[in-house]
Amino acid sequence: MKAILEFDLDREEDVDAHLRAVKSMDMALVLWEIAYNTKKKIHSKVEFDKLDAYEAVEEVFSKLWEIMNERGINLDELVH
């Protein structure tokens, strides 16, 4: 079996769809990192550093942005 994706890069909708397709592996790796590593790291940090709820939320979102930036995931480019 074979699947071929074709995009007309002269159409803005296809440019957006192409970018999402090209970035799909990076997005999957971001989700994997969040699901399997980040939760454990932040849970430990909350426990050992005694973060309050506000600090914990800030830590979570700071880490999410860091992981996305490392993989070149820009939500404003992918979803608009």
Protein backbone atom coordinates (compact mmCIF):
# COMPACT_ATOMS: atom_id res chain seq x y z
CA MET A 1 0.00 0.00 0.00
CA LYS A 2 1.08 3.52 -0.68
CA ALA A 3 -0.20 6.94 0.30
CA ILE A 4 0.81 10.15 -1.40
CA LEU A 5 0.04 13.54 0.08
CA GLU A 6 -0.12 16.36 -2.41
CA PHE A 7 -0.22 20.05 -1.55
CA ASP A 8 -0.75 23.04 -3.81
CA LEU A 9 1.67 25.47 -2.19
CA ASP A 10 0.10 28.34 -4.10
CA ARG A 11 -3.02 27.95 -1.92
CA GLU A 12 -2.78 29.27 1.64
CA GLU A 13 -4.89 26.41 3.04
CA ASP A 14 -2.52 23.87 1.52
CA VAL A 15 0.54 25.74 2.80
CA ASP A 16 -0.91 25.45 6.33
CA ALA A 17 -1.77 21.77 5.85
CA HIS A 18 1.71 21.09 4.45
CA LEU A 19 3.39 22.73 7.45
CA ARG A 20 1.27 20.65 9.84
CA ALA A 21 2.15 17.47 7.96
CA VAL A 22 5.86 18.32 7.91
CA LYS A 23 5.84 19.12 11.65
CA SER A 24 3.81 16.06 12.68
CA MET A 25 6.82 14.08 13.94
CA ASP A 26 8.07 17.07 15.95
CA MET A 27 4.60 17.47 17.45
CA ALA A 28 4.48 13.76 18.32
CA LEU A 29 7.89 14.02 20.00
CA VAL A 30 6.74 17.06 22.00
CA LEU A 31 3.70 15.12 23.21
CA TRP A 32 5.85 12.10 24.05
CA GLU A 33 8.25 14.26 26.06
CA ILE A 34 5.37 15.86 27.95
CA ALA A 35 3.59 12.57 28.63
CA TYR A 36 6.56 10.49 29.70
CA ASN A 37 9.25 12.79 31.07
CA THR A 38 7.92 16.23 31.94
CA LYS A 39 5.20 15.02 34.29
CA LYS A 40 7.74 13.11 36.39
CA LYS A 41 10.21 16.00 36.44
CA ILE A 42 7.65 18.58 37.48
CA HIS A 43 6.04 16.26 40.01
CA SER A 44 9.44 15.84 41.67
CA LYS A 45 10.10 19.57 41.55
CA VAL A 46 6.75 20.34 43.18
CA GLU A 47 7.43 17.78 45.90
CA PHE A 48 11.05 18.69 46.66
CA ASP A 49 10.93 22.45 46.05
CA LYS A 50 7.54 22.75 47.76
CA LEU A 51 6.00 24.82 44.96
CA ASP A 52 2.57 26.31 45.55
CA ALA A 53 -0.21 25.88 42.96
CA TYR A 54 0.63 29.10 41.08
CA GLU A 55 4.34 28.23 40.90
CA ALA A 56 3.51 24.70 39.75
CA VAL A 57 1.29 25.97 36.92
CA GLU A 58 4.00 28.43 35.87
CA GLU A 59 6.56 25.61 35.90
CA VAL A 60 4.34 23.38 33.75
CA PHE A 61 3.71 26.02 31.11
CA SER A 62 7.30 27.20 31.11
CA LYS A 63 8.42 23.63 30.44
CA LEU A 64 5.79 23.15 27.71
CA TRP A 65 6.99 26.25 25.83
CA GLU A 66 10.61 25.15 26.26
CA ILE A 67 9.91 21.70 24.79
CA MET A 68 7.94 23.16 21.88
CA ASN A 69 10.70 25.68 21.13
CA GLU A 70 13.34 22.92 21.19
CA ARG A 71 11.38 21.06 18.48
CA GLY A 72 10.53 24.17 16.44
CA ILE A 73 6.82 23.96 17.18
CA ASN A 74 5.19 27.38 16.85
CA LEU A 75 1.49 27.16 17.64
CA ASP A 76 0.78 30.49 15.97
CA GLU A 77 2.09 29.07 12.69
CA LEU A 78 0.25 25.76 12.98
CA VAL A 79 -3.12 26.96 14.25
CA HIS A 80 -4.56 30.22 13.05
